[in-house]
Amino acid sequence: AHAGLVERSPAGPEIGPGVVGKRDAADGDPLFRYVPLIPDVFQWHVDE
């Protein structure tokens, strides 16, 4: 909706439990600043 690009993921599907890593900018974010550095998440997508 804001001119970003979504495509079939060249890295292939991402399925199941995983972790993501916070970037430095998250420290100044009102929601993400309190999220742990490497939080657990669920993944289920073929596009990115």
ModelCIF file with pLDDT and N, C-alpha, C, O atoms, coordinates in Angstrom:
data_MODEL
#
_entry.id   MODEL 
#
_entity.id                         1 
_entity.type                       polymer 
_entity.pdbx_number_of_molecules   1 
#
_entity_poly.entity_id                      1 
_entity_poly.type                           'polypeptide(L)' 
_entity_poly.nstd_linkage                   no 
_entity_poly.nstd_monomer                   no 
_entity_poly.pdbx_seq_one_letter_code       AHAGLVERSPAGPEIGPGVVGKRDAADGDPLFRYVPLIPDVFQWHVDE 
_entity_poly.pdbx_seq_one_letter_code_can   AHAGLVERSPAGPEIGPGVVGKRDAADGDPLFRYVPLIPDVFQWHVDE 
_entity_poly.pdbx_strand_id                 A 
#
loop_
_entity_poly_seq.entity_id 
_entity_poly_seq.num 
_entity_poly_seq.mon_id 
_entity_poly_seq.hetero 
1 1  ALA n 
1 2  HIS n 
1 3  ALA n 
1 4  GLY n 
1 5  LEU n 
1 6  VAL n 
1 7  GLU n 
1 8  ARG n 
1 9  SER n 
1 10 PRO n 
1 11 ALA n 
1 12 GLY n 
1 13 PRO n 
1 14 GLU n 
1 15 ILE n 
1 16 GLY n 
1 17 PRO n 
1 18 GLY n 
1 19 VAL n 
1 20 VAL n 
1 21 GLY n 
1 22 LYS n 
1 23 ARG n 
1 24 ASP n 
1 25 ALA n 
1 26 ALA n 
1 27 ASP n 
1 28 GLY n 
1 29 ASP n 
1 30 PRO n 
1 31 LEU n 
1 32 PHE n 
1 33 ARG n 
1 34 TYR n 
1 35 VAL n 
1 36 PRO n 
1 37 LEU n 
1 38 ILE n 
1 39 PRO n 
1 40 ASP n 
1 41 VAL n 
1 42 PHE n 
1 43 GLN n 
1 44 TRP n 
1 45 HIS n 
1 46 VAL n 
1 47 ASP n 
1 48 GLU n 
#
_struct_asym.id          A 
_struct_asym.entity_id   1 
#
loop_
_ma_qa_metric.id 
_ma_qa_metric.mode 
_ma_qa_metric.name 
_ma_qa_metric.software_group_id 
_ma_qa_metric.type 
1 global pLDDT . pLDDT 
2 local  pLDDT . pLDDT 
#
_ma_qa_metric_global.metric_id      1 
_ma_qa_metric_global.metric_value   96.62 
_ma_qa_metric_global.model_id       1 
_ma_qa_metric_global.ordinal_id     1 
#
loop_
_ma_qa_metric_local.label_asym_id 
_ma_qa_metric_local.label_comp_id 
_ma_qa_metric_local.label_seq_id 
_ma_qa_metric_local.metric_id 
_ma_qa_metric_local.metric_value 
_ma_qa_metric_local.model_id 
_ma_qa_metric_local.ordinal_id 
A ALA 1  2 98.00 1 1  
A HIS 2  2 98.00 1 2  
A ALA 3  2 97.00 1 3  
A GLY 4  2 98.00 1 4  
A LEU 5  2 97.00 1 5  
A VAL 6  2 98.00 1 6  
A GLU 7  2 97.00 1 7  
A ARG 8  2 96.00 1 8  
A SER 9  2 94.00 1 9  
A PRO 10 2 91.00 1 10 
A ALA 11 2 92.00 1 11 
A GLY 12 2 94.00 1 12 
A PRO 13 2 96.00 1 13 
A GLU 14 2 96.00 1 14 
A ILE 15 2 97.00 1 15 
A GLY 16 2 97.00 1 16 
A PRO 17 2 97.00 1 17 
A GLY 18 2 96.00 1 18 
A VAL 19 2 97.00 1 19 
A VAL 20 2 98.00 1 20 
A GLY 21 2 98.00 1 21 
A LYS 22 2 98.00 1 22 
A ARG 23 2 97.00 1 23 
A ASP 24 2 96.00 1 24 
A ALA 25 2 97.00 1 25 
A ALA 26 2 97.00 1 26 
A ASP 27 2 96.00 1 27 
A GLY 28 2 95.00 1 28 
A ASP 29 2 97.00 1 29 
A PRO 30 2 96.00 1 30 
A LEU 31 2 97.00 1 31 
A PHE 32 2 97.00 1 32 
A ARG 33 2 96.00 1 33 
A TYR 34 2 95.00 1 34 
A VAL 35 2 98.00 1 35 
A PRO 36 2 97.00 1 36 
A LEU 37 2 97.00 1 37 
A ILE 38 2 98.00 1 38 
A PRO 39 2 98.00 1 39 
A ASP 40 2 98.00 1 40 
A VAL 41 2 98.00 1 41 
A PHE 42 2 98.00 1 42 
A GLN 43 2 97.00 1 43 
A TRP 44 2 97.00 1 44 
A HIS 45 2 97.00 1 45 
A VAL 46 2 96.00 1 46 
A ASP 47 2 97.00 1 47 
A GLU 48 2 96.00 1 48 
#
loop_
_atom_site.group_PDB 
_atom_site.id 
_atom_site.type_symbol 
_atom_site.label_atom_id 
_atom_site.label_alt_id 
_atom_site.label_comp_id 
_atom_site.label_asym_id 
_atom_site.label_entity_id 
_atom_site.label_seq_id 
_atom_site.pdbx_PDB_ins_code 
_atom_site.Cartn_x 
_atom_site.Cartn_y 
_atom_site.Cartn_z 
_atom_site.occupancy 
_atom_site.B_iso_or_equiv 
_atom_site.pdbx_formal_charge 
_atom_site.auth_seq_id 
_atom_site.auth_comp_id 
_atom_site.auth_asym_id 
_atom_site.auth_atom_id 
_atom_site.pdbx_PDB_model_num 
ATOM 1   N N  . ALA A 1 1  ? 0.818  -1.213  0.000  1.00 98.00 ? 1  ALA A N  1 
ATOM 2   C CA . ALA A 1 1  ? 0.000  0.000   0.000  1.00 98.00 ? 1  ALA A CA 1 
ATOM 3   C C  . ALA A 1 1  ? 0.851  1.261   0.000  1.00 98.00 ? 1  ALA A C  1 
ATOM 4   O O  . ALA A 1 1  ? 0.366  2.346   -0.324 1.00 98.00 ? 1  ALA A O  1 
ATOM 5   N N  . HIS A 1 2  ? 2.128  1.113   0.366  1.00 98.00 ? 2  HIS A N  1 
ATOM 6   C CA . HIS A 1 2  ? 3.029  2.263   0.443  1.00 98.00 ? 2  HIS A CA 1 
ATOM 7   C C  . HIS A 1 2  ? 4.244  2.077   -0.465 1.00 98.00 ? 2  HIS A C  1 
ATOM 8   O O  . HIS A 1 2  ? 5.349  2.512   -0.142 1.00 98.00 ? 2  HIS A O  1 
ATOM 9   N N  . ALA A 1 3  ? 4.019  1.423   -1.606 1.00 97.00 ? 3  ALA A N  1 
ATOM 10  C CA . ALA A 1 3  ? 5.025  1.267   -2.665 1.00 97.00 ? 3  ALA A CA 1 
ATOM 11  C C  . ALA A 1 3  ? 6.175  0.358   -2.289 1.00 97.00 ? 3  ALA A C  1 
ATOM 12  O O  . ALA A 1 3  ? 7.252  0.453   -2.877 1.00 97.00 ? 3  ALA A O  1 
ATOM 13  N N  . GLY A 1 4  ? 5.971  -0.522  -1.317 1.00 98.00 ? 4  GLY A N  1 
ATOM 14  C CA . GLY A 1 4  ? 6.934  -1.597  -1.076 1.00 98.00 ? 4  GLY A CA 1 
ATOM 15  C C  . GLY A 1 4  ? 6.715  -2.711  -2.080 1.00 98.00 ? 4  GLY A C  1 
ATOM 16  O O  . GLY A 1 4  ? 5.779  -2.668  -2.878 1.00 98.00 ? 4  GLY A O  1 
ATOM 17  N N  . LEU A 1 5  ? 7.582  -3.706  -2.036 1.00 97.00 ? 5  LEU A N  1 
ATOM 18  C CA . LEU A 1 5  ? 7.514  -4.799  -3.011 1.00 97.00 ? 5  LEU A CA 1 
ATOM 19  C C  . LEU A 1 5  ? 7.403  -6.138  -2.288 1.00 97.00 ? 5  LEU A C  1 
ATOM 20  O O  . LEU A 1 5  ? 8.197  -6.443  -1.398 1.00 97.00 ? 5  LEU A O  1 
ATOM 21  N N  . VAL A 1 6  ? 6.414  -6.928  -2.680 1.00 98.00 ? 6  VAL A N  1 
ATOM 22  C CA . VAL A 1 6  ? 6.216  -8.280  -2.166 1.00 98.00 ? 6  VAL A CA 1 
ATOM 23  C C  . VAL A 1 6  ? 6.304  -9.238  -3.334 1.00 98.00 ? 6  VAL A C  1 
ATOM 24  O O  . VAL A 1 6  ? 5.698  -9.009  -4.381 1.00 98.00 ? 6  VAL A O  1 
ATOM 25  N N  . GLU A 1 7  ? 7.065  -10.321 -3.155 1.00 97.00 ? 7  GLU A N  1 
ATOM 26  C CA . GLU A 1 7  ? 7.283  -11.298 -4.220 1.00 97.00 ? 7  GLU A CA 1 
ATOM 27  C C  . GLU A 1 7  ? 7.310  -12.704 -3.626 1.00 97.00 ? 7  GLU A C  1 
ATOM 28  O O  . GLU A 1 7  ? 7.396  -12.886 -2.412 1.00 97.00 ? 7  GLU A O  1 
ATOM 29  N N  . ARG A 1 8  ? 7.234  -13.689 -4.514 1.00 96.00 ? 8  ARG A N  1 
ATOM 30  C CA . ARG A 1 8  ? 7.489  -15.051 -4.082 1.00 96.00 ? 8  ARG A CA 1 
ATOM 31  C C  . ARG A 1 8  ? 8.903  -15.092 -3.510 1.00 96.00 ? 8  ARG A C  1 
ATOM 32  O O  . ARG A 1 8  ? 9.849  -14.636 -4.152 1.00 96.00 ? 8  ARG A O  1 
ATOM 33  N N  . SER A 1 9  ? 9.043  -15.629 -2.321 1.00 94.00 ? 9  SER A N  1 
ATOM 34  C CA . SER A 1 9  ? 10.326 -15.538 -1.638 1.00 94.00 ? 9  SER A CA 1 
ATOM 35  C C  . SER A 1 9  ? 11.410 -16.318 -2.361 1.00 94.00 ? 9  SER A C  1 
ATOM 36  O O  . SER A 1 9  ? 11.255 -17.519 -2.584 1.00 94.00 ? 9  SER A O  1 
ATOM 37  N N  . PRO A 1 10 ? 12.504 -15.666 -2.734 1.00 91.00 ? 10 PRO A N  1 
ATOM 38  C CA . PRO A 1 10 ? 13.619 -16.388 -3.352 1.00 91.00 ? 10 PRO A CA 1 
ATOM 39  C C  . PRO A 1 10 ? 14.305 -17.342 -2.383 1.00 91.00 ? 10 PRO A C  1 
ATOM 40  O O  . PRO A 1 10 ? 15.030 -18.242 -2.805 1.00 91.00 ? 10 PRO A O  1 
ATOM 41  N N  . ALA A 1 11 ? 14.080 -17.148 -1.083 1.00 92.00 ? 11 ALA A N  1 
ATOM 42  C CA . ALA A 1 11 ? 14.681 -18.028 -0.080 1.00 92.00 ? 11 ALA A CA 1 
ATOM 43  C C  . ALA A 1 11 ? 13.825 -19.257 0.190  1.00 92.00 ? 11 ALA A C  1 
ATOM 44  O O  . ALA A 1 11 ? 14.219 -20.120 0.975  1.00 92.00 ? 11 ALA A O  1 
ATOM 45  N N  . GLY A 1 12 ? 12.662 -19.352 -0.446 1.00 94.00 ? 12 GLY A N  1 
ATOM 46  C CA . GLY A 1 12 ? 11.789 -20.489 -0.236 1.00 94.00 ? 12 GLY A CA 1 
ATOM 47  C C  . GLY A 1 12 ? 10.850 -20.280 0.929  1.00 94.00 ? 12 GLY A C  1 
ATOM 48  O O  . GLY A 1 12 ? 10.947 -19.268 1.622  1.00 94.00 ? 12 GLY A O  1 
ATOM 49  N N  . PRO A 1 13 ? 9.929  -21.226 1.167  1.00 96.00 ? 13 PRO A N  1 
ATOM 50  C CA . PRO A 1 13 ? 8.954  -21.079 2.246  1.00 96.00 ? 13 PRO A CA 1 
ATOM 51  C C  . PRO A 1 13 ? 9.629  -21.048 3.619  1.00 96.00 ? 13 PRO A C  1 
ATOM 52  O O  . PRO A 1 13 ? 10.704 -21.612 3.825  1.00 96.00 ? 13 PRO A O  1 
ATOM 53  N N  . GLU A 1 14 ? 8.955  -20.366 4.549  1.00 96.00 ? 14 GLU A N  1 
ATOM 54  C CA . GLU A 1 14 ? 9.398  -20.342 5.948  1.00 96.00 ? 14 GLU A CA 1 
ATOM 55  C C  . GLU A 1 14 ? 8.228  -20.856 6.784  1.00 96.00 ? 14 GLU A C  1 
ATOM 56  O O  . GLU A 1 14 ? 7.178  -20.218 6.862  1.00 96.00 ? 14 GLU A O  1 
ATOM 57  N N  . ILE A 1 15 ? 8.423  -22.010 7.402  1.00 97.00 ? 15 ILE A N  1 
ATOM 58  C CA . ILE A 1 15 ? 7.334  -22.722 8.066  1.00 97.00 ? 15 ILE A CA 1 
ATOM 59  C C  . ILE A 1 15 ? 7.769  -23.140 9.465  1.00 97.00 ? 15 ILE A C  1 
ATOM 60  O O  . ILE A 1 15 ? 8.863  -23.673 9.648  1.00 97.00 ? 15 ILE A O  1 
ATOM 61  N N  . GLY A 1 16 ? 6.903  -22.893 10.458 1.00 97.00 ? 16 GLY A N  1 
ATOM 62  C CA . GLY A 1 16 ? 7.127  -23.408 11.799 1.00 97.00 ? 16 GLY A CA 1 
ATOM 63  C C  . GLY A 1 16 ? 7.693  -22.372 12.755 1.00 97.00 ? 16 GLY A C  1 
ATOM 64  O O  . GLY A 1 16 ? 7.748  -21.184 12.437 1.00 97.00 ? 16 GLY A O  1 
ATOM 65  N N  . PRO A 1 17 ? 8.118  -22.833 13.939 1.00 97.00 ? 17 PRO A N  1 
ATOM 66  C CA . PRO A 1 17 ? 8.652  -21.898 14.929 1.00 97.00 ? 17 PRO A CA 1 
ATOM 67  C C  . PRO A 1 17 ? 10.007 -21.364 14.495 1.00 97.00 ? 17 PRO A C  1 
ATOM 68  O O  . PRO A 1 17 ? 10.751 -22.036 13.781 1.00 97.00 ? 17 PRO A O  1 
ATOM 69  N N  . GLY A 1 18 ? 10.318 -20.159 14.929 1.00 96.00 ? 18 GLY A N  1 
ATOM 70  C CA . GLY A 1 18 ? 11.600 -19.553 14.596 1.00 96.00 ? 18 GLY A CA 1 
ATOM 71  C C  . GLY A 1 18 ? 11.882 -18.392 15.520 1.00 96.00 ? 18 GLY A C  1 
ATOM 72  O O  . GLY A 1 18 ? 11.133 -18.124 16.460 1.00 96.00 ? 18 GLY A O  1 
ATOM 73  N N  . VAL A 1 19 ? 12.968 -17.711 15.239 1.00 97.00 ? 19 VAL A N  1 
ATOM 74  C CA . VAL A 1 19 ? 13.309 -16.500 15.987 1.00 97.00 ? 19 VAL A CA 1 
ATOM 75  C C  . VAL A 1 19 ? 13.651 -15.410 14.988 1.00 97.00 ? 19 VAL A C  1 
ATOM 76  O O  . VAL A 1 19 ? 14.027 -15.686 13.849 1.00 97.00 ? 19 VAL A O  1 
ATOM 77  N N  . VAL A 1 20 ? 13.515 -14.165 15.430 1.00 98.00 ? 20 VAL A N  1 
ATOM 78  C CA . VAL A 1 20 ? 13.950 -13.014 14.648 1.00 98.00 ? 20 VAL A CA 1 
ATOM 79  C C  . VAL A 1 20 ? 14.856 -12.179 15.539 1.00 98.00 ? 20 VAL A C  1 
ATOM 80  O O  . VAL A 1 20 ? 14.832 -12.317 16.762 1.00 98.00 ? 20 VAL A O  1 
ATOM 81  N N  . GLY A 1 21 ? 15.649 -11.319 14.928 1.00 98.00 ? 21 GLY A N  1 
ATOM 82  C CA . GLY A 1 21 ? 16.565 -10.480 15.679 1.00 98.00 ? 21 GLY A CA 1 
ATOM 83  C C  . GLY A 1 21 ? 16.181 -9.012  15.573 1.00 98.00 ? 21 GLY A C  1 
ATOM 84  O O  . GLY A 1 21 ? 15.965 -8.494  14.478 1.00 98.00 ? 21 GLY A O  1 
ATOM 85  N N  . LYS A 1 22 ? 16.099 -8.347  16.720 1.00 98.00 ? 22 LYS A N  1 
ATOM 86  C CA . LYS A 1 22 ? 15.787 -6.917  16.718 1.00 98.00 ? 22 LYS A CA 1 
ATOM 87  C C  . LYS A 1 22 ? 16.925 -6.124  16.098 1.00 98.00 ? 22 LYS A C  1 
ATOM 88  O O  . LYS A 1 22 ? 18.097 -6.460  16.266 1.00 98.00 ? 22 LYS A O  1 
ATOM 89  N N  . ARG A 1 23 ? 16.567 -5.078  15.386 1.00 97.00 ? 23 ARG A N  1 
ATOM 90  C CA . ARG A 1 23 ? 17.529 -4.119  14.879 1.00 97.00 ? 23 ARG A CA 1 
ATOM 91  C C  . ARG A 1 23 ? 17.678 -2.962  15.868 1.00 97.00 ? 23 ARG A C  1 
ATOM 92  O O  . ARG A 1 23 ? 16.850 -2.785  16.761 1.00 97.00 ? 23 ARG A O  1 
ATOM 93  N N  . ASP A 1 24 ? 18.753 -2.171  15.696 1.00 96.00 ? 24 ASP A N  1 
ATOM 94  C CA . ASP A 1 24 ? 19.026 -1.082  16.630 1.00 96.00 ? 24 ASP A CA 1 
ATOM 95  C C  . ASP A 1 24 ? 17.855 -0.098  16.733 1.00 96.00 ? 24 ASP A C  1 
ATOM 96  O O  . ASP A 1 24 ? 17.579 0.436   17.807 1.00 96.00 ? 24 ASP A O  1 
ATOM 97  N N  . ALA A 1 25 ? 17.170 0.136   15.608 1.00 97.00 ? 25 ALA A N  1 
ATOM 98  C CA . ALA A 1 25 ? 16.071 1.100   15.607 1.00 97.00 ? 25 ALA A CA 1 
ATOM 99  C C  . ALA A 1 25 ? 14.940 0.689   16.545 1.00 97.00 ? 25 ALA A C  1 
ATOM 100 O O  . ALA A 1 25 ? 14.149 1.533   16.967 1.00 97.00 ? 25 ALA A O  1 
ATOM 101 N N  . ALA A 1 26 ? 14.858 -0.597  16.874 1.00 97.00 ? 26 ALA A N  1 
ATOM 102 C CA . ALA A 1 26 ? 13.795 -1.068  17.760 1.00 97.00 ? 26 ALA A CA 1 
ATOM 103 C C  . ALA A 1 26 ? 13.908 -0.482  19.156 1.00 97.00 ? 26 ALA A C  1 
ATOM 104 O O  . ALA A 1 26 ? 12.910 -0.399  19.873 1.00 97.00 ? 26 ALA A O  1 
ATOM 105 N N  . ASP A 1 27 ? 15.096 -0.077  19.549 1.00 96.00 ? 27 ASP A N  1 
ATOM 106 C CA . ASP A 1 27 ? 15.271 0.484   20.897 1.00 96.00 ? 27 ASP A CA 1 
ATOM 107 C C  . ASP A 1 27 ? 14.515 1.784   21.089 1.00 96.00 ? 27 ASP A C  1 
ATOM 108 O O  . ASP A 1 27 ? 14.196 2.145   22.221 1.00 96.00 ? 27 ASP A O  1 
ATOM 109 N N  . GLY A 1 28 ? 14.221 2.497   20.010 1.00 95.00 ? 28 GLY A N  1 
ATOM 110 C CA . GLY A 1 28 ? 13.452 3.726   20.107 1.00 95.00 ? 28 GLY A CA 1 
ATOM 111 C C  . GLY A 1 28 ? 12.001 3.567   19.722 1.00 95.00 ? 28 GLY A C  1 
ATOM 112 O O  . GLY A 1 28 ? 11.292 4.560   19.561 1.00 95.00 ? 28 GLY A O  1 
ATOM 113 N N  . ASP A 1 29 ? 11.543 2.331   19.571 1.00 97.00 ? 29 ASP A N  1 
ATOM 114 C CA . ASP A 1 29 ? 10.174 2.083   19.130 1.00 97.00 ? 29 ASP A CA 1 
ATOM 115 C C  . ASP A 1 29 ? 9.255  1.883   20.335 1.00 97.00 ? 29 ASP A C  1 
ATOM 116 O O  . ASP A 1 29 ? 9.623  1.172   21.270 1.00 97.00 ? 29 ASP A O  1 
ATOM 117 N N  . PRO A 1 30 ? 8.071  2.492   20.334 1.00 96.00 ? 30 PRO A N  1 
ATOM 118 C CA . PRO A 1 30 ? 7.192  2.382   21.504 1.00 96.00 ? 30 PRO A CA 1 
ATOM 119 C C  . PRO A 1 30 ? 6.690  0.979   21.802 1.00 96.00 ? 30 PRO A C  1 
ATOM 120 O O  . PRO A 1 30 ? 6.327  0.697   22.944 1.00 96.00 ? 30 PRO A O  1 
ATOM 121 N N  . LEU A 1 31 ? 6.657  0.097   20.823 1.00 97.00 ? 31 LEU A N  1 
ATOM 122 C CA . LEU A 1 31 ? 6.234  -1.277  21.055 1.00 97.00 ? 31 LEU A CA 1 
ATOM 123 C C  . LEU A 1 31 ? 7.409  -2.244  21.123 1.00 97.00 ? 31 LEU A C  1 
ATOM 124 O O  . LEU A 1 31 ? 7.441  -3.116  21.992 1.00 97.00 ? 31 LEU A O  1 
ATOM 125 N N  . PHE A 1 32 ? 8.368  -2.104  20.226 1.00 97.00 ? 32 PHE A N  1 
ATOM 126 C CA . PHE A 1 32 ? 9.450  -3.082  20.118 1.00 97.00 ? 32 PHE A CA 1 
ATOM 127 C C  . PHE A 1 32 ? 10.569 -2.879  21.143 1.00 97.00 ? 32 PHE A C  1 
ATOM 128 O O  . PHE A 1 32 ? 11.393 -3.774  21.333 1.00 97.00 ? 32 PHE A O  1 
ATOM 129 N N  . ARG A 1 33 ? 10.611 -1.730  21.800 1.00 96.00 ? 33 ARG A N  1 
ATOM 130 C CA . ARG A 1 33 ? 11.726 -1.490  22.718 1.00 96.00 ? 33 ARG A CA 1 
ATOM 131 C C  . ARG A 1 33 ? 11.731 -2.499  23.875 1.00 96.00 ? 33 ARG A C  1 
ATOM 132 O O  . ARG A 1 33 ? 12.781 -2.764  24.460 1.00 96.00 ? 33 ARG A O  1 
ATOM 133 N N  . TYR A 1 34 ? 10.566 -3.059  24.203 1.00 95.00 ? 34 TYR A N  1 
ATOM 134 C CA . TYR A 1 34 ? 10.481 -4.011  25.310 1.00 95.00 ? 34 TYR A CA 1 
ATOM 135 C C  . TYR A 1 34 ? 10.489 -5.472  24.845 1.00 95.00 ? 34 TYR A C  1 
ATOM 136 O O  . TYR A 1 34 ? 10.410 -6.382  25.670 1.00 95.00 ? 34 TYR A O  1 
ATOM 137 N N  . VAL A 1 35 ? 10.581 -5.696  23.559 1.00 98.00 ? 35 VAL A N  1 
ATOM 138 C CA . VAL A 1 35 ? 10.684 -7.057  23.014 1.00 98.00 ? 35 VAL A CA 1 
ATOM 139 C C  . VAL A 1 35 ? 12.118 -7.545  23.217 1.00 98.00 ? 35 VAL A C  1 
ATOM 140 O O  . VAL A 1 35 ? 13.054 -6.771  23.016 1.00 98.00 ? 35 VAL A O  1 
ATOM 141 N N  . PRO A 1 36 ? 12.317 -8.807  23.609 1.00 97.00 ? 36 PRO A N  1 
ATOM 142 C CA . PRO A 1 36 ? 13.682 -9.329  23.777 1.00 97.00 ? 36 PRO A CA 1 
ATOM 143 C C  . PRO A 1 36 ? 14.488 -9.242  22.491 1.00 97.00 ? 36 PRO A C  1 
ATOM 144 O O  . PRO A 1 36 ? 13.932 -9.058  21.408 1.00 97.00 ? 36 PRO A O  1 
ATOM 145 N N  . LEU A 1 37 ? 15.787 -9.375  22.617 1.00 97.00 ? 37 LEU A N  1 
ATOM 146 C CA . LEU A 1 37 ? 16.672 -9.231  21.470 1.00 97.00 ? 37 LEU A CA 1 
ATOM 147 C C  . LEU A 1 37 ? 16.381 -10.253 20.377 1.00 97.00 ? 37 LEU A C  1 
ATOM 148 O O  . LEU A 1 37 ? 16.429 -9.926  19.191 1.00 97.00 ? 37 LEU A O  1 
ATOM 149 N N  . ILE A 1 38 ? 16.080 -11.489 20.771 1.00 98.00 ? 38 ILE A N  1 
ATOM 150 C CA . ILE A 1 38 ? 15.819 -12.557 19.793 1.00 98.00 ? 38 ILE A CA 1 
ATOM 151 C C  . ILE A 1 38 ? 14.535 -13.280 20.207 1.00 98.00 ? 38 ILE A C  1 
ATOM 152 O O  . ILE A 1 38 ? 14.605 -14.340 20.830 1.00 98.00 ? 38 ILE A O  1 
ATOM 153 N N  . PRO A 1 39 ? 13.379 -12.734 19.876 1.00 98.00 ? 39 PRO A N  1 
ATOM 154 C CA . PRO A 1 39 ? 12.113 -13.323 20.320 1.00 98.00 ? 39 PRO A CA 1 
ATOM 155 C C  . PRO A 1 39 ? 11.677 -14.515 19.471 1.00 98.00 ? 39 PRO A C  1 
ATOM 156 O O  . PRO A 1 39 ? 12.013 -14.621 18.291 1.00 98.00 ? 39 PRO A O  1 
ATOM 157 N N  . ASP A 1 40 ? 10.919 -15.407 20.106 1.00 98.00 ? 40 ASP A N  1 
ATOM 158 C CA . ASP A 1 40 ? 10.300 -16.528 19.394 1.00 98.00 ? 40 ASP A CA 1 
ATOM 159 C C  . ASP A 1 40 ? 9.077  -16.045 18.628 1.00 98.00 ? 40 ASP A C  1 
ATOM 160 O O  . ASP A 1 40 ? 8.343  -15.172 19.091 1.00 98.00 ? 40 ASP A O  1 
ATOM 161 N N  . VAL A 1 41 ? 8.870  -16.625 17.448 1.00 98.00 ? 41 VAL A N  1 
ATOM 162 C CA . VAL A 1 41 ? 7.715  -16.304 16.607 1.00 98.00 ? 41 VAL A CA 1 
ATOM 163 C C  . VAL A 1 41 ? 7.286  -17.561 15.864 1.00 98.00 ? 41 VAL A C  1 
ATOM 164 O O  . VAL A 1 41 ? 7.977  -18.579 15.903 1.00 98.00 ? 41 VAL A O  1 
ATOM 165 N N  . PHE A 1 42 ? 6.155  -17.486 15.194 1.00 98.00 ? 42 PHE A N  1 
ATOM 166 C CA . PHE A 1 42 ? 5.711  -18.538 14.274 1.00 98.00 ? 42 PHE A CA 1 
ATOM 167 C C  . PHE A 1 42 ? 5.813  -18.001 12.848 1.00 98.00 ? 42 PHE A C  1 
ATOM 168 O O  . PHE A 1 42 ? 5.473  -16.847 12.589 1.00 98.00 ? 42 PHE A O  1 
ATOM 169 N N  . GLN A 1 43 ? 6.278  -18.831 11.937 1.00 97.00 ? 43 GLN A N  1 
ATOM 170 C CA . GLN A 1 43 ? 6.396  -18.449 10.534 1.00 97.00 ? 43 GLN A CA 1 
ATOM 171 C C  . GLN A 1 43 ? 5.526  -19.367 9.679  1.00 97.00 ? 43 GLN A C  1 
ATOM 172 O O  . GLN A 1 43 ? 5.428  -20.570 9.925  1.00 97.00 ? 43 GLN A O  1 
ATOM 173 N N  . TRP A 1 44 ? 4.898  -18.765 8.668  1.00 97.00 ? 44 TRP A N  1 
ATOM 174 C CA . TRP A 1 44 ? 4.107  -19.579 7.727  1.00 97.00 ? 44 TRP A CA 1 
ATOM 175 C C  . TRP A 1 44 ? 3.853  -18.748 6.473  1.00 97.00 ? 44 TRP A C  1 
ATOM 176 O O  . TRP A 1 44 ? 2.767  -18.195 6.300  1.00 97.00 ? 44 TRP A O  1 
ATOM 177 N N  . HIS A 1 45 ? 4.850  -18.662 5.604  1.00 97.00 ? 45 HIS A N  1 
ATOM 178 C CA . HIS A 1 45 ? 4.678  -17.842 4.405  1.00 97.00 ? 45 HIS A CA 1 
ATOM 179 C C  . HIS A 1 45 ? 5.574  -18.345 3.275  1.00 97.00 ? 45 HIS A C  1 
ATOM 180 O O  . HIS A 1 45 ? 6.639  -18.917 3.506  1.00 97.00 ? 45 HIS A O  1 
ATOM 181 N N  . VAL A 1 46 ? 5.108  -18.114 2.045  1.00 96.00 ? 46 VAL A N  1 
ATOM 182 C CA . VAL A 1 46 ? 5.898  -18.426 0.860  1.00 96.00 ? 46 VAL A CA 1 
ATOM 183 C C  . VAL A 1 46 ? 6.305  -17.149 0.130  1.00 96.00 ? 46 VAL A C  1 
ATOM 184 O O  . VAL A 1 46 ? 7.208  -17.171 -0.706 1.00 96.00 ? 46 VAL A O  1 
ATOM 185 N N  . ASP A 1 47 ? 5.638  -16.035 0.445  1.00 97.00 ? 47 ASP A N  1 
ATOM 186 C CA . ASP A 1 47 ? 5.990  -14.728 -0.108 1.00 97.00 ? 47 ASP A CA 1 
ATOM 187 C C  . ASP A 1 47 ? 6.744  -13.934 0.944  1.00 97.00 ? 47 ASP A C  1 
ATOM 188 O O  . ASP A 1 47 ? 6.695  -14.259 2.130  1.00 97.00 ? 47 ASP A O  1 
ATOM 189 N N  . GLU A 1 48 ? 7.441  -12.891 0.508  1.00 96.00 ? 48 GLU A N  1 
ATOM 190 C CA . GLU A 1 48 ? 8.109  -12.017 1.462  1.00 96.00 ? 48 GLU A CA 1 
ATOM 191 C C  . GLU A 1 48 ? 8.166  -10.593 0.927  1.00 96.00 ? 48 GLU A C  1 
ATOM 192 O O  . GLU A 1 48 ? 8.696  -9.704  1.593  1.00 96.00 ? 48 GLU A O  1 
#
